Each structure stands twice: as C-alpha cells, then as structure tokens.
N, C-alpha and C. Protein backbone atom coordinates (compact mmCIF):
# COMPACT_ATOMS: atom_id res chain seq x y z
N MET A 1 109.12 57.20 139.64
CA MET A 1 108.47 56.63 138.48
C MET A 1 109.15 57.20 137.24
N LEU A 2 109.50 56.32 136.34
CA LEU A 2 110.12 56.71 135.09
C LEU A 2 109.11 56.61 133.97
N VAL A 3 109.15 57.54 133.05
CA VAL A 3 108.25 57.52 131.90
C VAL A 3 109.09 57.34 130.65
N ASN A 4 108.74 56.37 129.85
CA ASN A 4 109.43 56.10 128.60
C ASN A 4 109.03 57.16 127.58
N PRO A 5 109.99 57.90 126.98
CA PRO A 5 109.62 58.96 126.04
C PRO A 5 108.97 58.44 124.76
N TYR A 6 109.22 57.16 124.40
CA TYR A 6 108.64 56.60 123.18
C TYR A 6 107.23 56.07 123.41
N TRP A 7 106.96 55.63 124.66
CA TRP A 7 105.64 55.13 125.02
C TRP A 7 105.24 55.80 126.33
N PRO A 8 104.69 57.02 126.29
CA PRO A 8 104.39 57.75 127.53
C PRO A 8 103.39 57.03 128.43
N GLU A 9 102.59 56.14 127.84
CA GLU A 9 101.64 55.42 128.69
C GLU A 9 102.30 54.28 129.47
N CYS A 10 103.52 53.95 129.13
CA CYS A 10 104.25 52.89 129.80
C CYS A 10 105.11 53.51 130.89
N LYS A 11 104.87 53.13 132.14
CA LYS A 11 105.59 53.72 133.27
C LYS A 11 106.30 52.62 134.04
N PHE A 12 107.47 52.96 134.58
CA PHE A 12 108.26 52.02 135.35
C PHE A 12 108.35 52.50 136.79
N GLU A 13 108.20 51.61 137.71
CA GLU A 13 108.41 51.94 139.11
C GLU A 13 109.53 51.05 139.62
N LEU A 14 110.43 51.64 140.37
CA LEU A 14 111.58 50.92 140.87
C LEU A 14 111.67 51.15 142.37
N GLU A 15 111.70 50.07 143.13
CA GLU A 15 111.83 50.18 144.57
C GLU A 15 113.31 50.04 144.93
N VAL A 16 113.81 51.01 145.67
CA VAL A 16 115.22 51.01 146.04
C VAL A 16 115.32 50.71 147.53
N PRO A 17 115.95 49.59 147.88
CA PRO A 17 116.08 49.27 149.31
C PRO A 17 117.22 50.08 149.93
N PHE A 18 116.98 50.57 151.14
CA PHE A 18 118.01 51.28 151.89
C PHE A 18 118.44 50.42 153.06
N PRO A 19 119.73 50.39 153.36
CA PRO A 19 120.19 49.58 154.49
C PRO A 19 119.68 50.15 155.80
N ASP A 20 119.57 49.29 156.78
CA ASP A 20 119.13 49.70 158.10
C ASP A 20 120.21 50.59 158.71
N MET A 21 119.87 51.82 159.02
CA MET A 21 120.85 52.77 159.55
C MET A 21 120.89 52.77 161.07
N LYS A 22 120.19 51.84 161.69
CA LYS A 22 120.21 51.75 163.15
C LYS A 22 121.39 50.88 163.57
N GLY A 23 121.99 51.21 164.66
CA GLY A 23 123.12 50.44 165.14
C GLY A 23 124.29 51.33 165.46
N LYS A 24 125.34 50.73 165.98
CA LYS A 24 126.45 51.55 166.45
C LYS A 24 127.34 52.08 165.33
N HIS A 25 127.23 51.54 164.13
CA HIS A 25 128.06 52.03 163.03
C HIS A 25 127.32 52.99 162.11
N ALA A 26 126.10 53.31 162.46
CA ALA A 26 125.33 54.22 161.63
C ALA A 26 125.85 55.65 161.79
N SER A 27 125.94 56.36 160.70
CA SER A 27 126.37 57.75 160.75
C SER A 27 125.19 58.64 160.37
N PRO A 28 125.12 59.83 160.95
CA PRO A 28 124.00 60.71 160.62
C PRO A 28 124.11 61.20 159.18
N VAL A 29 122.97 61.49 158.60
CA VAL A 29 122.93 62.03 157.25
C VAL A 29 123.34 63.49 157.32
N VAL A 30 124.29 63.84 156.51
CA VAL A 30 124.79 65.21 156.50
C VAL A 30 124.40 65.85 155.17
N THR A 31 123.70 66.95 155.25
CA THR A 31 123.36 67.69 154.05
C THR A 31 124.23 68.94 154.01
N SER A 32 124.72 69.24 152.86
CA SER A 32 125.54 70.44 152.75
C SER A 32 124.77 71.49 151.97
N VAL A 33 124.79 72.69 152.48
CA VAL A 33 124.15 73.81 151.83
C VAL A 33 125.22 74.84 151.53
N LYS A 34 125.23 75.31 150.34
CA LYS A 34 126.26 76.26 149.94
C LYS A 34 125.91 77.65 150.43
N ALA A 35 126.91 78.35 150.93
CA ALA A 35 126.73 79.73 151.35
C ALA A 35 126.52 80.60 150.11
N THR A 36 125.63 81.59 150.23
CA THR A 36 125.30 82.44 149.09
C THR A 36 125.27 83.90 149.49
N MET A 37 125.49 84.74 148.50
CA MET A 37 125.36 86.18 148.68
C MET A 37 124.94 86.77 147.34
N SER A 38 124.02 87.73 147.37
CA SER A 38 123.61 88.40 146.15
C SER A 38 123.54 89.90 146.39
N LEU A 39 123.78 90.67 145.34
CA LEU A 39 123.74 92.12 145.38
C LEU A 39 122.68 92.58 144.38
N VAL A 40 121.65 93.27 144.89
CA VAL A 40 120.54 93.69 144.01
C VAL A 40 120.19 95.13 144.31
N PRO A 41 120.14 96.04 143.38
CA PRO A 41 120.56 95.87 141.99
C PRO A 41 122.08 95.97 141.89
N ASN A 42 122.60 95.40 140.86
CA ASN A 42 124.02 95.47 140.57
C ASN A 42 124.17 95.52 139.06
N PRO A 43 124.50 96.66 138.49
CA PRO A 43 125.07 97.86 139.06
C PRO A 43 124.04 98.69 139.84
N ALA A 44 124.55 99.41 140.83
CA ALA A 44 123.72 100.23 141.70
C ALA A 44 123.82 101.70 141.30
N LYS A 45 122.73 102.42 141.54
CA LYS A 45 122.75 103.86 141.31
C LYS A 45 122.67 104.60 142.63
N ALA A 46 121.61 104.37 143.40
CA ALA A 46 121.41 105.12 144.64
C ALA A 46 121.40 104.23 145.87
N GLN A 47 121.05 102.97 145.69
CA GLN A 47 120.92 102.06 146.83
C GLN A 47 121.09 100.63 146.35
N THR A 48 121.55 99.76 147.22
CA THR A 48 121.63 98.34 146.89
C THR A 48 121.31 97.52 148.12
N THR A 49 120.92 96.27 147.89
CA THR A 49 120.59 95.33 148.95
C THR A 49 121.49 94.12 148.83
N VAL A 50 122.08 93.73 149.95
CA VAL A 50 122.90 92.53 150.01
C VAL A 50 122.11 91.47 150.75
N ARG A 51 121.88 90.33 150.11
CA ARG A 51 121.23 89.18 150.74
C ARG A 51 122.30 88.12 150.95
N PHE A 52 122.33 87.54 152.15
CA PHE A 52 123.36 86.55 152.44
C PHE A 52 122.78 85.39 153.21
N ASP A 53 123.43 84.24 153.07
CA ASP A 53 123.08 83.02 153.80
C ASP A 53 124.36 82.22 153.96
N THR A 54 124.77 81.97 155.20
CA THR A 54 126.02 81.24 155.45
C THR A 54 125.88 79.75 155.14
N GLY A 55 124.65 79.27 154.99
CA GLY A 55 124.44 77.87 154.68
C GLY A 55 124.25 77.00 155.91
N ASP A 56 124.42 77.56 157.11
CA ASP A 56 124.27 76.80 158.34
C ASP A 56 123.77 77.75 159.43
N PRO A 57 122.60 77.47 160.02
CA PRO A 57 122.06 78.38 161.05
C PRO A 57 122.98 78.57 162.24
N ALA A 58 123.88 77.63 162.49
CA ALA A 58 124.80 77.75 163.63
C ALA A 58 125.99 78.66 163.31
N LYS A 59 126.23 78.93 162.04
CA LYS A 59 127.36 79.76 161.63
C LYS A 59 126.87 81.16 161.28
N LYS A 60 126.89 82.02 162.26
CA LYS A 60 126.35 83.36 162.09
C LYS A 60 127.42 84.31 161.55
N ALA A 61 127.00 85.13 160.60
CA ALA A 61 127.90 86.15 160.07
C ALA A 61 128.09 87.23 161.13
N ARG A 62 129.30 87.79 161.18
CA ARG A 62 129.61 88.78 162.21
C ARG A 62 129.54 90.21 161.70
N MET A 63 129.85 90.41 160.42
CA MET A 63 129.97 91.78 159.94
C MET A 63 129.88 91.81 158.42
N MET A 64 129.45 92.97 157.90
CA MET A 64 129.48 93.21 156.46
C MET A 64 130.29 94.47 156.22
N LEU A 65 131.21 94.41 155.27
CA LEU A 65 132.07 95.54 154.92
C LEU A 65 131.98 95.80 153.42
N VAL A 66 132.06 97.08 153.04
CA VAL A 66 132.17 97.45 151.64
C VAL A 66 133.41 98.32 151.51
N HIS A 67 134.33 97.88 150.64
CA HIS A 67 135.59 98.62 150.40
C HIS A 67 135.59 99.18 148.98
N ASP A 68 136.23 100.34 148.83
CA ASP A 68 136.44 100.85 147.48
C ASP A 68 137.73 100.25 146.92
N ALA A 69 138.11 100.66 145.71
CA ALA A 69 139.29 100.10 145.06
C ALA A 69 140.59 100.42 145.79
N MET A 70 140.58 101.47 146.61
CA MET A 70 141.78 101.86 147.36
C MET A 70 141.84 101.17 148.72
N GLY A 71 140.83 100.39 149.07
CA GLY A 71 140.81 99.69 150.34
C GLY A 71 140.12 100.44 151.46
N ASN A 72 139.56 101.61 151.14
CA ASN A 72 138.85 102.40 152.15
C ASN A 72 137.48 101.79 152.44
N VAL A 73 137.12 101.71 153.72
CA VAL A 73 135.82 101.17 154.11
C VAL A 73 134.76 102.22 153.83
N LYS A 74 133.81 101.90 152.96
CA LYS A 74 132.73 102.82 152.62
C LYS A 74 131.47 102.54 153.44
N PHE A 75 131.32 101.29 153.91
CA PHE A 75 130.14 100.92 154.68
C PHE A 75 130.51 99.75 155.58
N ARG A 76 129.97 99.77 156.81
CA ARG A 76 130.21 98.68 157.75
C ARG A 76 128.95 98.46 158.57
N LYS A 77 128.60 97.19 158.79
CA LYS A 77 127.44 96.87 159.61
C LYS A 77 127.74 95.58 160.37
N ASP A 78 127.50 95.60 161.68
CA ASP A 78 127.63 94.39 162.48
C ASP A 78 126.44 93.49 162.23
N LEU A 79 126.69 92.19 162.14
CA LEU A 79 125.65 91.19 161.88
C LEU A 79 125.69 90.14 162.98
N LYS A 80 124.56 89.53 163.22
CA LYS A 80 124.49 88.46 164.22
C LYS A 80 123.51 87.38 163.77
N SER A 81 123.53 87.07 162.48
CA SER A 81 122.61 86.05 161.98
C SER A 81 123.26 85.26 160.85
N ALA A 82 122.71 84.10 160.60
CA ALA A 82 123.23 83.24 159.54
C ALA A 82 122.70 83.65 158.17
N GLU A 83 121.59 84.36 158.15
CA GLU A 83 121.03 84.84 156.89
C GLU A 83 120.30 86.15 157.11
N GLY A 84 120.18 86.91 156.05
CA GLY A 84 119.47 88.18 156.16
C GLY A 84 119.76 89.06 154.96
N GLU A 85 119.33 90.31 155.09
CA GLU A 85 119.60 91.28 154.04
C GLU A 85 119.90 92.64 154.65
N VAL A 86 120.77 93.37 153.98
CA VAL A 86 121.20 94.69 154.43
C VAL A 86 121.09 95.65 153.26
N GLN A 87 120.42 96.78 153.47
CA GLN A 87 120.32 97.82 152.45
C GLN A 87 121.24 98.97 152.84
N PHE A 88 121.86 99.58 151.84
CA PHE A 88 122.67 100.76 152.12
C PHE A 88 122.66 101.70 150.93
N ASP A 89 122.91 102.98 151.24
CA ASP A 89 122.86 104.06 150.27
C ASP A 89 124.20 104.18 149.55
N THR A 90 124.15 104.24 148.22
CA THR A 90 125.36 104.41 147.42
C THR A 90 125.33 105.70 146.62
N SER A 91 124.35 106.56 146.86
CA SER A 91 124.15 107.74 146.03
C SER A 91 125.33 108.71 146.07
N GLY A 92 126.04 108.80 147.18
CA GLY A 92 127.17 109.72 147.29
C GLY A 92 128.50 109.12 146.88
N TRP A 93 128.52 107.89 146.42
CA TRP A 93 129.76 107.22 146.06
C TRP A 93 130.15 107.52 144.62
N LEU A 94 131.44 107.47 144.34
CA LEU A 94 131.94 107.63 142.98
C LEU A 94 131.65 106.38 142.16
N GLN A 95 131.61 106.54 140.84
CA GLN A 95 131.45 105.39 139.97
C GLN A 95 132.67 104.48 140.11
N GLY A 96 132.43 103.18 140.05
CA GLY A 96 133.55 102.24 140.14
C GLY A 96 133.13 100.92 140.71
N VAL A 97 134.13 100.11 141.05
CA VAL A 97 133.92 98.77 141.58
C VAL A 97 134.19 98.78 143.08
N TYR A 98 133.30 98.16 143.84
CA TYR A 98 133.43 98.06 145.29
C TYR A 98 133.37 96.58 145.67
N ILE A 99 134.11 96.21 146.69
CA ILE A 99 134.13 94.82 147.17
C ILE A 99 133.24 94.73 148.41
N VAL A 100 132.25 93.84 148.34
CA VAL A 100 131.34 93.61 149.46
C VAL A 100 131.75 92.30 150.11
N THR A 101 131.97 92.33 151.43
CA THR A 101 132.40 91.15 152.17
C THR A 101 131.48 90.91 153.36
N VAL A 102 130.95 89.71 153.46
CA VAL A 102 130.21 89.27 154.64
C VAL A 102 131.15 88.33 155.39
N VAL A 103 131.54 88.73 156.60
CA VAL A 103 132.48 87.95 157.40
C VAL A 103 131.72 86.84 158.10
N ALA A 104 132.01 85.59 157.71
CA ALA A 104 131.36 84.39 158.26
C ALA A 104 132.42 83.51 158.91
N PRO A 105 132.02 82.57 159.78
CA PRO A 105 132.98 81.74 160.51
C PRO A 105 133.92 80.91 159.62
N ASP A 106 133.41 80.25 158.60
CA ASP A 106 134.26 79.39 157.77
C ASP A 106 135.13 80.19 156.82
N LYS A 107 134.50 80.98 155.99
CA LYS A 107 135.23 81.84 155.07
C LYS A 107 134.31 82.98 154.67
N PRO A 108 134.90 84.12 154.30
CA PRO A 108 134.07 85.27 153.96
C PRO A 108 133.34 85.06 152.63
N LEU A 109 132.18 85.67 152.54
CA LEU A 109 131.43 85.71 151.28
C LEU A 109 131.77 87.04 150.63
N GLN A 110 132.19 87.02 149.38
CA GLN A 110 132.58 88.26 148.72
C GLN A 110 131.91 88.40 147.38
N GLY A 111 131.68 89.65 147.01
CA GLY A 111 131.11 89.97 145.71
C GLY A 111 131.56 91.34 145.27
N LYS A 112 131.41 91.61 143.98
CA LYS A 112 131.77 92.91 143.42
C LYS A 112 130.49 93.69 143.14
N LEU A 113 130.50 94.93 143.58
CA LEU A 113 129.38 95.83 143.34
C LEU A 113 129.86 96.92 142.39
N LEU A 114 129.14 97.11 141.31
CA LEU A 114 129.47 98.16 140.36
C LEU A 114 128.56 99.35 140.63
N LYS A 115 129.15 100.52 140.83
CA LYS A 115 128.40 101.74 141.09
C LYS A 115 128.39 102.55 139.79
N GLU A 116 127.18 102.87 139.30
CA GLU A 116 127.07 103.66 138.08
C GLU A 116 127.11 105.13 138.40
C-alpha cells in the first residue's frame, strides 16, 4: 500500500501478478545472505568478542586466528559452525593492530582489532 505524502488519507493498492513457477523450467528462489563478522569491543583493553556468520548454515567456519603485525599467531580456536561467537583475553597483549580471521569455505572473514 502506498500513501500519498500530499494526501495521507488517499491510499493506493497495487496487485502484482507473479508468473506460475510450476513446471520444468522453474528455478528455485535463491536468497543471498552476506557473511558478517564483528569485533566487540574494538578497541579492546582486556577482552574482546568475535561474532561471525558465514551466511549459509551449510558453510561452517573451520577456525579463527588472531595474528599480530609480525604475523605471529596470538590466538587460535577450532570452529565447527556457520555462526557463533568467541571470546578471548587480550590483557597480556601489546598495544597495536591485530588481524582477526575466521576461516570459512568460500573466503575468509577478516577484521582489524585495535588493542589499547
């Protein structure tokens, strides 16, 4: 239903016909969901949480890695789900930028974590 901004009491309804999707040439409806990752809090002081979603329940993430600027692995956790969250302690880390990677089947999810 559309509402006219000049006459709010005047409303329009429009019926949209959809073609019959039954038959041998019909294709299934495909919805795409974007893979996401968030780092909270960022910048981190003592602890941070990584939330991830590969966008497809069939595409499970295998691992999460955190590297420092020199490429050293500071944290590693094996994963076996398409979405979830992982908390880890950053209190003993030096100040700087760290790369967080969630290894997923299609492509890795990456983000930068700033340690205060």
